[in-house]
Amino acid sequence: MLRKTFLYIQLTKPSIMLLVIFTGSTSLVLEGSFLLEPINFVLVLVGLFLTGGSANALNQYLERDIDAKMTRTSKRRPLPQHEISPLGALIFSISIGVIGVLMFYYFFNLLTALLSLGTILFYSLFYTLYLKPNTSQNIVIGGIAGAMAPVGAWTAATGTMDFVPWILFLIVFLWTPPHFWALALFCKDDYKKANLPMLPLVKGDDHTYNQIILYSMVLFLISLSLLFFGGGWLYLAVTLYLGVQFVRRAFLIRKLRTESVQKKFFGYSLIYLFGLFTAILIDGVIPSSIF
């Protein structure tokens, strides 16, 4: 029973969901309404896990044949290994998605429920079935879904939109392409076997390196814009250090062009995002505005 539960949890892509939960909780801390309402705080995070996990599980259900062709996924995901039936995965995916959307509607508001439903449909259907197999810009456009957690968390707490969660959205959105293009560079053979038009295969390595640099520089500039909405000294120091390192490493992978440095950039990009949002989180708990 525990083994089966673990396999179903794997369908939600727990490592990605950690990012979703963390960025969503950061948004809640910045907004502040639920800091004194821990039950609502937790309910928002549960809703984010259920809806985001639903989108990821539907993605795995729809891509089970593709995953079986790729070394990176064939031995790590339960559907290619035939440890879960496709029907079971589909029922699980839809069920947790419906529960999550209904939770947002019942406990919070219609706006958040609609945003969550839209995110599920966008990622699991539009991205998975159309974007990913048809355009080298799949990661760029598909990144919208992965970046929506701060916006959804904010609307759950307030019922309205604001500039701050959209800045958080942009940070995750702009971070996603360089993060995954680094992966695509050292997993080209896998993507070629699956016949997926990832950027290095369609436009070549040089174009991919240049796009990583471009997105890294724009990401750095956007991260600085949060300073005008209450970022403190800690955030200033962290975003300057991590951002400069991110851009420097983007130039480095173009210069060295080795699998080792590509993997290091991929790993550092995770440190960058979690470090940046940790600084935002701390500044949200201990406000120290510099403007």
C-alpha atoms as a PDB file:
ATOM      1  CA  MET A   1       0.000   0.000   0.000  1.00  0.00           C
ATOM      2  CA  LEU A   2       2.787   2.410   0.932  1.00  0.00           C
ATOM      3  CA  ARG A   3       4.671   1.482  -2.238  1.00  0.00           C
ATOM      4  CA  LYS A   4       1.590   2.147  -4.358  1.00  0.00           C
ATOM      5  CA  THR A   5       0.994   5.487  -2.651  1.00  0.00           C
ATOM      6  CA  PHE A   6       4.602   6.490  -3.314  1.00  0.00           C
ATOM      7  CA  LEU A   7       4.216   5.607  -6.999  1.00  0.00           C
ATOM      8  CA  TYR A   8       1.118   7.758  -7.344  1.00  0.00           C
ATOM      9  CA  ILE A   9       2.874  10.630  -5.594  1.00  0.00           C
ATOM     10  CA  GLN A  10       5.660  10.256  -8.167  1.00  0.00           C
ATOM     11  CA  LEU A  11       3.113  11.083 -10.858  1.00  0.00           C
ATOM     12  CA  THR A  12       2.832  14.593  -9.392  1.00  0.00           C
ATOM     13  CA  LYS A  13       6.580  15.192  -9.994  1.00  0.00           C
ATOM     14  CA  PRO A  14       7.406  15.975  -6.327  1.00  0.00           C
ATOM     15  CA  SER A  15      10.614  17.888  -7.103  1.00  0.00           C
ATOM     16  CA  ILE A  16       8.703  20.307  -9.316  1.00  0.00           C
ATOM     17  CA  MET A  17       5.894  20.533  -6.771  1.00  0.00           C
ATOM     18  CA  LEU A  18       8.427  21.545  -4.120  1.00  0.00           C
ATOM     19  CA  LEU A  19       9.193  24.562  -6.295  1.00  0.00           C
ATOM     20  CA  VAL A  20       5.475  25.285  -6.756  1.00  0.00           C
ATOM     21  CA  ILE A  21       4.775  25.078  -3.015  1.00  0.00           C
ATOM     22  CA  PHE A  22       7.810  27.179  -2.130  1.00  0.00           C
ATOM     23  CA  THR A  23       7.051  29.986  -4.590  1.00  0.00           C
ATOM     24  CA  GLY A  24       3.386  29.912  -3.587  1.00  0.00           C
ATOM     25  CA  SER A  25       4.202  30.136   0.122  1.00  0.00           C
ATOM     26  CA  THR A  26       6.572  33.039  -0.586  1.00  0.00           C
ATOM     27  CA  SER A  27       3.718  34.895  -2.251  1.00  0.00           C
ATOM     28  CA  LEU A  28       1.472  34.225   0.752  1.00  0.00           C
ATOM     29  CA  VAL A  29       4.097  35.562   3.153  1.00  0.00           C
ATOM     30  CA  LEU A  30       4.558  38.731   1.104  1.00  0.00           C
ATOM     31  CA  GLU A  31       0.795  39.290   0.958  1.00  0.00           C
ATOM     32  CA  GLY A  32       0.549  38.654   4.692  1.00  0.00           C
ATOM     33  CA  SER A  33      -3.164  37.997   5.236  1.00  0.00           C
ATOM     34  CA  PHE A  34      -2.801  34.328   6.120  1.00  0.00           C
ATOM     35  CA  LEU A  35       0.239  34.638   8.397  1.00  0.00           C
ATOM     36  CA  LEU A  36      -2.171  34.697  11.324  1.00  0.00           C
ATOM     37  CA  GLU A  37      -4.493  32.143   9.709  1.00  0.00           C
ATOM     38  CA  PRO A  38      -2.339  29.011   9.472  1.00  0.00           C
ATOM     39  CA  ILE A  39      -5.231  26.775   8.415  1.00  0.00           C
ATOM     40  CA  ASN A  40      -5.930  28.908   5.359  1.00  0.00           C
ATOM     41  CA  PHE A  41      -2.203  29.153   4.652  1.00  0.00           C
ATOM     42  CA  VAL A  42      -1.911  25.359   4.604  1.00  0.00           C
ATOM     43  CA  LEU A  43      -5.127  24.941   2.601  1.00  0.00           C
ATOM     44  CA  VAL A  44      -3.726  27.167  -0.153  1.00  0.00           C
ATOM     45  CA  LEU A  45      -0.562  25.065  -0.325  1.00  0.00           C
ATOM     46  CA  VAL A  46      -2.586  21.847  -0.399  1.00  0.00           C
ATOM     47  CA  GLY A  47      -4.678  23.286  -3.224  1.00  0.00           C
ATOM     48  CA  LEU A  48      -1.534  24.225  -5.135  1.00  0.00           C
ATOM     49  CA  PHE A  49      -0.140  20.726  -4.669  1.00  0.00           C
ATOM     50  CA  LEU A  50      -3.337  19.047  -5.830  1.00  0.00           C
ATOM     51  CA  THR A  51      -3.862  21.213  -8.913  1.00  0.00           C
ATOM     52  CA  GLY A  52      -0.191  21.379  -9.883  1.00  0.00           C
ATOM     53  CA  GLY A  53       0.188  17.670  -9.188  1.00  0.00           C
ATOM     54  CA  SER A  54      -2.846  16.984 -11.368  1.00  0.00           C
ATOM     55  CA  ALA A  55      -1.285  18.849 -14.300  1.00  0.00           C
ATOM     56  CA  ASN A  56       1.990  16.951 -13.877  1.00  0.00           C
ATOM     57  CA  ALA A  57       0.257  13.579 -13.532  1.00  0.00           C
ATOM     58  CA  LEU A  58      -1.844  14.191 -16.645  1.00  0.00           C
ATOM     59  CA  ASN A  59       1.363  15.157 -18.434  1.00  0.00           C
ATOM     60  CA  GLN A  60       2.935  11.825 -17.466  1.00  0.00           C
ATOM     61  CA  TYR A  61      -0.211   9.940 -18.500  1.00  0.00           C
ATOM     62  CA  LEU A  62      -0.253  11.588 -21.938  1.00  0.00           C
ATOM     63  CA  GLU A  63       3.520  11.235 -22.431  1.00  0.00           C
ATOM     64  CA  ARG A  64       3.875   7.670 -21.165  1.00  0.00           C
ATOM     65  CA  ASP A  65       4.959   6.374 -24.592  1.00  0.00           C
ATOM     66  CA  ILE A  66       7.475   9.209 -25.030  1.00  0.00           C
ATOM     67  CA  ASP A  67       8.826   8.669 -21.507  1.00  0.00           C
ATOM     68  CA  ALA A  68       9.386   4.997 -22.335  1.00  0.00           C
ATOM     69  CA  LYS A  69      11.762   5.999 -25.168  1.00  0.00           C
ATOM     70  CA  MET A  70      13.940   8.318 -23.060  1.00  0.00           C
ATOM     71  CA  THR A  71      16.668   7.027 -20.790  1.00  0.00           C
ATOM     72  CA  ARG A  72      16.132   9.907 -18.365  1.00  0.00           C
ATOM     73  CA  THR A  73      12.487   8.975 -17.738  1.00  0.00           C
ATOM     74  CA  SER A  74      12.030   5.312 -18.667  1.00  0.00           C
ATOM     75  CA  LYS A  75      13.638   4.021 -15.481  1.00  0.00           C
ATOM     76  CA  ARG A  76      12.381   6.763 -13.166  1.00  0.00           C
ATOM     77  CA  ARG A  77       8.671   7.117 -13.857  1.00  0.00           C
ATOM     78  CA  PRO A  78       6.018   4.579 -12.836  1.00  0.00           C
ATOM     79  CA  LEU A  79       4.037   4.450 -16.097  1.00  0.00           C
ATOM     80  CA  PRO A  80       6.930   3.422 -18.408  1.00  0.00           C
ATOM     81  CA  GLN A  81       7.895   0.837 -15.787  1.00  0.00           C
ATOM     82  CA  HIS A  82       4.295  -0.501 -15.786  1.00  0.00           C
ATOM     83  CA  GLU A  83       4.038  -0.106 -12.011  1.00  0.00           C
ATOM     84  CA  ILE A  84       0.798   1.868 -12.365  1.00  0.00           C
ATOM     85  CA  SER A  85      -1.894   1.282 -14.961  1.00  0.00           C
ATOM     86  CA  PRO A  86      -2.682   4.122 -17.398  1.00  0.00           C
ATOM     87  CA  LEU A  87      -6.320   4.080 -16.277  1.00  0.00           C
ATOM     88  CA  GLY A  88      -5.301   4.344 -12.632  1.00  0.00           C
ATOM     89  CA  ALA A  89      -3.001   7.274 -13.445  1.00  0.00           C
ATOM     90  CA  LEU A  90      -5.768   9.029 -15.382  1.00  0.00           C
ATOM     91  CA  ILE A  91      -8.324   8.598 -12.588  1.00  0.00           C
ATOM     92  CA  PHE A  92      -5.810   9.804  -9.996  1.00  0.00           C
ATOM     93  CA  SER A  93      -4.824  12.818 -12.109  1.00  0.00           C
ATOM     94  CA  ILE A  94      -8.379  13.992 -12.722  1.00  0.00           C
ATOM     95  CA  SER A  95      -9.495  13.292  -9.146  1.00  0.00           C
ATOM     96  CA  ILE A  96      -6.846  15.369  -7.401  1.00  0.00           C
ATOM     97  CA  GLY A  97      -7.325  18.164  -9.938  1.00  0.00           C
ATOM     98  CA  VAL A  98     -11.071  18.309  -9.335  1.00  0.00           C
ATOM     99  CA  ILE A  99     -10.555  18.245  -5.564  1.00  0.00           C
ATOM    100  CA  GLY A 100      -7.977  21.045  -5.754  1.00  0.00           C
ATOM    101  CA  VAL A 101     -10.117  23.308  -7.944  1.00  0.00           C
ATOM    102  CA  LEU A 102     -13.182  22.731  -5.730  1.00  0.00           C
ATOM    103  CA  MET A 103     -11.086  23.497  -2.641  1.00  0.00           C
ATOM    104  CA  PHE A 104     -10.053  26.852  -4.084  1.00  0.00           C
ATOM    105  CA  TYR A 105     -13.657  27.650  -4.998  1.00  0.00           C
ATOM    106  CA  TYR A 106     -15.189  26.548  -1.679  1.00  0.00           C
ATOM    107  CA  PHE A 107     -12.592  27.885   0.773  1.00  0.00           C
ATOM    108  CA  PHE A 108     -11.374  30.907  -1.173  1.00  0.00           C
ATOM    109  CA  ASN A 109     -12.822  32.338  -4.383  1.00  0.00           C
ATOM    110  CA  LEU A 110     -13.900  31.667  -7.952  1.00  0.00           C
ATOM    111  CA  LEU A 111     -10.959  33.587  -9.451  1.00  0.00           C
ATOM    112  CA  THR A 112      -8.394  31.238  -7.914  1.00  0.00           C
ATOM    113  CA  ALA A 113     -10.431  28.183  -8.891  1.00  0.00           C
ATOM    114  CA  LEU A 114     -10.542  29.352 -12.512  1.00  0.00           C
ATOM    115  CA  LEU A 115      -6.817  30.161 -12.548  1.00  0.00           C
ATOM    116  CA  SER A 116      -6.062  26.683 -11.201  1.00  0.00           C
ATOM    117  CA  LEU A 117      -8.346  24.983 -13.710  1.00  0.00           C
ATOM    118  CA  GLY A 118      -6.806  27.011 -16.526  1.00  0.00           C
ATOM    119  CA  THR A 119      -3.308  26.040 -15.411  1.00  0.00           C
ATOM    120  CA  ILE A 120      -4.193  22.337 -15.395  1.00  0.00           C
ATOM    121  CA  LEU A 121      -5.733  22.486 -18.866  1.00  0.00           C
ATOM    122  CA  PHE A 122      -2.965  24.685 -20.282  1.00  0.00           C
ATOM    123  CA  TYR A 123      -0.119  22.459 -19.098  1.00  0.00           C
ATOM    124  CA  SER A 124      -1.652  19.013 -19.447  1.00  0.00           C
ATOM    125  CA  LEU A 125      -3.374  19.585 -22.786  1.00  0.00           C
ATOM    126  CA  PHE A 126      -2.055  22.630 -24.681  1.00  0.00           C
ATOM    127  CA  TYR A 127       1.595  22.276 -23.616  1.00  0.00           C
ATOM    128  CA  THR A 128       1.779  18.484 -23.587  1.00  0.00           C
ATOM    129  CA  LEU A 129      -0.221  17.714 -26.717  1.00  0.00           C
ATOM    130  CA  TYR A 130       0.547  20.735 -28.902  1.00  0.00           C
ATOM    131  CA  LEU A 131       3.494  22.865 -27.793  1.00  0.00           C
ATOM    132  CA  LYS A 132       6.006  20.234 -26.724  1.00  0.00           C
ATOM    133  CA  PRO A 133       5.879  18.106 -29.898  1.00  0.00           C
ATOM    134  CA  ASN A 134       5.531  21.018 -32.344  1.00  0.00           C
ATOM    135  CA  THR A 135       7.698  23.995 -31.389  1.00  0.00           C
ATOM    136  CA  SER A 136      11.182  24.621 -30.039  1.00  0.00           C
ATOM    137  CA  GLN A 137       9.620  27.388 -27.927  1.00  0.00           C
ATOM    138  CA  ASN A 138       7.698  24.781 -25.938  1.00  0.00           C
ATOM    139  CA  ILE A 139       9.625  25.450 -22.724  1.00  0.00           C
ATOM    140  CA  VAL A 140       9.146  29.225 -22.990  1.00  0.00           C
ATOM    141  CA  ILE A 141       5.374  29.162 -23.468  1.00  0.00           C
ATOM    142  CA  GLY A 142       4.830  26.112 -21.280  1.00  0.00           C
ATOM    143  CA  GLY A 143       6.682  27.870 -18.455  1.00  0.00           C
ATOM    144  CA  ILE A 144       3.581  29.974 -17.880  1.00  0.00           C
ATOM    145  CA  ALA A 145       1.956  27.070 -16.040  1.00  0.00           C
ATOM    146  CA  GLY A 146       4.914  26.432 -13.743  1.00  0.00           C
ATOM    147  CA  ALA A 147       5.144  30.110 -12.814  1.00  0.00           C
ATOM    148  CA  MET A 148       1.504  30.591 -11.795  1.00  0.00           C
ATOM    149  CA  ALA A 149       1.785  29.471  -8.151  1.00  0.00           C
ATOM    150  CA  PRO A 150       2.603  32.949  -6.717  1.00  0.00           C
ATOM    151  CA  VAL A 151      -0.338  34.465  -8.589  1.00  0.00           C
ATOM    152  CA  GLY A 152      -2.755  31.736  -7.515  1.00  0.00           C
ATOM    153  CA  ALA A 153      -1.649  31.957  -3.887  1.00  0.00           C
ATOM    154  CA  TRP A 154      -2.071  35.746  -3.895  1.00  0.00           C
ATOM    155  CA  THR A 155      -5.557  35.635  -5.408  1.00  0.00           C
ATOM    156  CA  ALA A 156      -6.571  32.945  -2.903  1.00  0.00           C
ATOM    157  CA  ALA A 157      -5.676  35.327  -0.081  1.00  0.00           C
ATOM    158  CA  THR A 158      -7.087  38.522  -1.603  1.00  0.00           C
ATOM    159  CA  GLY A 159      -9.463  37.668  -4.425  1.00  0.00           C
ATOM    160  CA  THR A 160      -7.644  40.265  -6.557  1.00  0.00           C
ATOM    161  CA  MET A 161      -4.506  40.714  -8.660  1.00  0.00           C
ATOM    162  CA  ASP A 162      -1.464  42.831  -7.791  1.00  0.00           C
ATOM    163  CA  PHE A 163       1.949  43.738  -9.254  1.00  0.00           C
ATOM    164  CA  VAL A 164       4.004  41.793  -6.708  1.00  0.00           C
ATOM    165  CA  PRO A 165       2.817  38.246  -7.523  1.00  0.00           C
ATOM    166  CA  TRP A 166       3.274  38.994 -11.213  1.00  0.00           C
ATOM    167  CA  ILE A 167       6.909  39.942 -10.571  1.00  0.00           C
ATOM    168  CA  LEU A 168       7.326  36.607  -8.803  1.00  0.00           C
ATOM    169  CA  PHE A 169       5.626  34.996 -11.781  1.00  0.00           C
ATOM    170  CA  LEU A 170       8.085  36.678 -14.167  1.00  0.00           C
ATOM    171  CA  ILE A 171      11.069  35.537 -12.119  1.00  0.00           C
ATOM    172  CA  VAL A 172       9.989  31.878 -12.339  1.00  0.00           C
ATOM    173  CA  PHE A 173       8.856  32.272 -15.960  1.00  0.00           C
ATOM    174  CA  LEU A 174      12.184  33.753 -17.115  1.00  0.00           C
ATOM    175  CA  TRP A 175      14.173  31.271 -15.032  1.00  0.00           C
ATOM    176  CA  THR A 176      12.479  28.255 -16.631  1.00  0.00           C
ATOM    177  CA  PRO A 177      13.952  28.409 -20.182  1.00  0.00           C
ATOM    178  CA  PRO A 178      17.659  28.633 -19.238  1.00  0.00           C
ATOM    179  CA  HIS A 179      17.127  25.971 -16.570  1.00  0.00           C
ATOM    180  CA  PHE A 180      15.538  23.497 -18.986  1.00  0.00           C
ATOM    181  CA  TRP A 181      17.644  24.420 -22.012  1.00  0.00           C
ATOM    182  CA  ALA A 182      20.710  23.414 -20.004  1.00  0.00           C
ATOM    183  CA  LEU A 183      18.990  20.080 -19.429  1.00  0.00           C
ATOM    184  CA  ALA A 184      18.136  19.847 -23.131  1.00  0.00           C
ATOM    185  CA  LEU A 185      21.797  20.402 -24.038  1.00  0.00           C
ATOM    186  CA  PHE A 186      23.077  17.403 -22.102  1.00  0.00           C
ATOM    187  CA  CYS A 187      20.007  15.265 -22.878  1.00  0.00           C
ATOM    188  CA  LYS A 188      19.926  15.905 -26.631  1.00  0.00           C
ATOM    189  CA  ASP A 189      20.144  12.236 -27.516  1.00  0.00           C
ATOM    190  CA  ASP A 190      17.137  11.449 -25.341  1.00  0.00           C
ATOM    191  CA  TYR A 191      15.030  14.167 -26.919  1.00  0.00           C
ATOM    192  CA  LYS A 192      16.167  13.066 -30.373  1.00  0.00           C
ATOM    193  CA  LYS A 193      15.007   9.500 -29.668  1.00  0.00           C
ATOM    194  CA  ALA A 194      11.625  10.862 -28.583  1.00  0.00           C
ATOM    195  CA  ASN A 195      11.444  13.128 -31.663  1.00  0.00           C
ATOM    196  CA  LEU A 196      10.830  16.241 -29.561  1.00  0.00           C
ATOM    197  CA  PRO A 197      11.856  19.594 -31.109  1.00  0.00           C
ATOM    198  CA  MET A 198      13.922  20.933 -28.251  1.00  0.00           C
ATOM    199  CA  LEU A 199      15.871  24.103 -28.979  1.00  0.00           C
ATOM    200  CA  PRO A 200      19.375  22.559 -29.300  1.00  0.00           C
ATOM    201  CA  LEU A 201      18.062  20.037 -31.843  1.00  0.00           C
ATOM    202  CA  VAL A 202      16.124  22.584 -33.910  1.00  0.00           C
ATOM    203  CA  LYS A 203      18.311  25.704 -33.711  1.00  0.00           C
ATOM    204  CA  GLY A 204      21.645  24.236 -32.644  1.00  0.00           C
ATOM    205  CA  ASP A 205      23.859  24.627 -29.584  1.00  0.00           C
ATOM    206  CA  ASP A 206      25.110  28.143 -30.416  1.00  0.00           C
ATOM    207  CA  HIS A 207      21.599  29.560 -30.610  1.00  0.00           C
ATOM    208  CA  THR A 208      20.672  27.768 -27.379  1.00  0.00           C
ATOM    209  CA  TYR A 209      23.693  29.184 -25.531  1.00  0.00           C
ATOM    210  CA  ASN A 210      22.827  32.699 -26.728  1.00  0.00           C
ATOM    211  CA  GLN A 211      19.216  32.307 -25.606  1.00  0.00           C
ATOM    212  CA  ILE A 212      20.347  31.100 -22.180  1.00  0.00           C
ATOM    213  CA  ILE A 213      22.505  34.216 -21.829  1.00  0.00           C
ATOM    214  CA  LEU A 214      19.697  36.506 -23.002  1.00  0.00           C
ATOM    215  CA  TYR A 215      17.109  35.048 -20.619  1.00  0.00           C
ATOM    216  CA  SER A 216      19.605  35.048 -17.742  1.00  0.00           C
ATOM    217  CA  MET A 217      20.296  38.758 -18.196  1.00  0.00           C
ATOM    218  CA  VAL A 218      16.604  39.678 -18.442  1.00  0.00           C
ATOM    219  CA  LEU A 219      15.897  37.504 -15.383  1.00  0.00           C
ATOM    220  CA  PHE A 220      18.551  39.398 -13.417  1.00  0.00           C
ATOM    221  CA  LEU A 221      16.989  42.752 -14.329  1.00  0.00           C
ATOM    222  CA  ILE A 222      13.462  41.617 -13.487  1.00  0.00           C
ATOM    223  CA  SER A 223      14.600  40.245 -10.128  1.00  0.00           C
ATOM    224  CA  LEU A 224      15.949  43.717  -9.258  1.00  0.00           C
ATOM    225  CA  SER A 225      12.532  45.287  -9.940  1.00  0.00           C
ATOM    226  CA  LEU A 226      11.153  43.676  -6.783  1.00  0.00           C
ATOM    227  CA  LEU A 227      13.240  46.172  -4.809  1.00  0.00           C
ATOM    228  CA  PHE A 228      10.700  48.854  -5.743  1.00  0.00           C
ATOM    229  CA  PHE A 229       7.918  46.852  -4.083  1.00  0.00           C
ATOM    230  CA  GLY A 230       9.418  46.354  -0.638  1.00  0.00           C
ATOM    231  CA  GLY A 231      12.537  44.255  -1.147  1.00  0.00           C
ATOM    232  CA  GLY A 232      15.014  44.731   1.687  1.00  0.00           C
ATOM    233  CA  TRP A 233      18.771  44.818   2.117  1.00  0.00           C
ATOM    234  CA  LEU A 234      18.962  41.033   2.354  1.00  0.00           C
ATOM    235  CA  TYR A 235      17.124  40.622  -0.932  1.00  0.00           C
ATOM    236  CA  LEU A 236      19.333  43.260  -2.584  1.00  0.00           C
ATOM    237  CA  ALA A 237      22.506  41.448  -1.518  1.00  0.00           C
ATOM    238  CA  VAL A 238      21.196  38.003  -2.471  1.00  0.00           C
ATOM    239  CA  THR A 239      19.780  38.989  -5.852  1.00  0.00           C
ATOM    240  CA  LEU A 240      22.978  40.834  -6.794  1.00  0.00           C
ATOM    241  CA  TYR A 241      25.234  37.943  -5.828  1.00  0.00           C
ATOM    242  CA  LEU A 242      23.102  35.107  -7.185  1.00  0.00           C
ATOM    243  CA  GLY A 243      22.127  37.058 -10.301  1.00  0.00           C
ATOM    244  CA  VAL A 244      25.692  37.967 -11.240  1.00  0.00           C
ATOM    245  CA  GLN A 245      26.704  34.340 -10.729  1.00  0.00           C
ATOM    246  CA  PHE A 246      23.795  33.153 -12.866  1.00  0.00           C
ATOM    247  CA  VAL A 247      24.768  35.413 -15.769  1.00  0.00           C
ATOM    248  CA  ARG A 248      28.469  34.571 -15.368  1.00  0.00           C
ATOM    249  CA  ARG A 249      27.709  30.864 -15.530  1.00  0.00           C
ATOM    250  CA  ALA A 250      25.508  31.393 -18.588  1.00  0.00           C
ATOM    251  CA  PHE A 251      28.494  32.890 -20.407  1.00  0.00           C
ATOM    252  CA  LEU A 252      30.704  30.110 -19.051  1.00  0.00           C
ATOM    253  CA  ILE A 253      28.664  27.275 -20.563  1.00  0.00           C
ATOM    254  CA  ARG A 254      28.869  28.978 -23.963  1.00  0.00           C
ATOM    255  CA  LYS A 255      32.626  29.327 -23.579  1.00  0.00           C
ATOM    256  CA  LEU A 256      33.397  25.804 -22.320  1.00  0.00           C
ATOM    257  CA  ARG A 257      30.578  23.845 -24.066  1.00  0.00           C
ATOM    258  CA  THR A 258      31.032  20.676 -22.007  1.00  0.00           C
ATOM    259  CA  GLU A 259      28.413  18.394 -20.526  1.00  0.00           C
ATOM    260  CA  SER A 260      29.968  18.878 -17.109  1.00  0.00           C
ATOM    261  CA  VAL A 261      29.509  22.652 -17.137  1.00  0.00           C
ATOM    262  CA  GLN A 262      25.989  22.282 -18.559  1.00  0.00           C
ATOM    263  CA  LYS A 263      25.046  20.031 -15.646  1.00  0.00           C
ATOM    264  CA  LYS A 264      26.633  22.449 -13.184  1.00  0.00           C
ATOM    265  CA  PHE A 265      24.617  25.325 -14.641  1.00  0.00           C
ATOM    266  CA  PHE A 266      21.445  23.226 -14.379  1.00  0.00           C
ATOM    267  CA  GLY A 267      22.217  22.492 -10.726  1.00  0.00           C
ATOM    268  CA  TYR A 268      23.142  26.090  -9.941  1.00  0.00           C
ATOM    269  CA  SER A 269      19.895  27.342 -11.467  1.00  0.00           C
ATOM    270  CA  LEU A 270      18.014  25.430  -8.762  1.00  0.00           C
ATOM    271  CA  ILE A 271      20.208  26.960  -6.051  1.00  0.00           C
ATOM    272  CA  TYR A 272      19.598  30.371  -7.614  1.00  0.00           C
ATOM    273  CA  LEU A 273      15.813  30.151  -7.564  1.00  0.00           C
ATOM    274  CA  PHE A 274      15.497  28.682  -4.088  1.00  0.00           C
ATOM    275  CA  GLY A 275      18.077  31.140  -2.741  1.00  0.00           C
ATOM    276  CA  LEU A 276      16.285  34.096  -4.294  1.00  0.00           C
ATOM    277  CA  PHE A 277      12.872  33.069  -2.968  1.00  0.00           C
ATOM    278  CA  THR A 278      14.338  32.307   0.451  1.00  0.00           C
ATOM    279  CA  ALA A 279      15.582  35.904   0.604  1.00  0.00           C
ATOM    280  CA  ILE A 280      12.139  37.144  -0.480  1.00  0.00           C
ATOM    281  CA  LEU A 281      10.555  34.961   2.199  1.00  0.00           C
ATOM    282  CA  ILE A 282      12.809  36.280   4.954  1.00  0.00           C
ATOM    283  CA  ASP A 283      12.259  39.877   3.840  1.00  0.00           C
ATOM    284  CA  GLY A 284       8.521  39.204   3.915  1.00  0.00           C
ATOM    285  CA  VAL A 285       8.668  37.990   7.511  1.00  0.00           C
ATOM    286  CA  ILE A 286      11.141  40.697   8.596  1.00  0.00           C
ATOM    287  CA  PRO A 287      10.329  43.738   6.435  1.00  0.00           C
ATOM    288  CA  SER A 288      13.269  46.067   5.825  1.00  0.00           C
ATOM    289  CA  SER A 289      12.373  48.136   2.810  1.00  0.00           C
ATOM    290  CA  ILE A 290      15.232  50.110   1.282  1.00  0.00           C
ATOM    291  CA  PHE A 291      13.042  52.432  -0.767  1.00  0.00           C
END
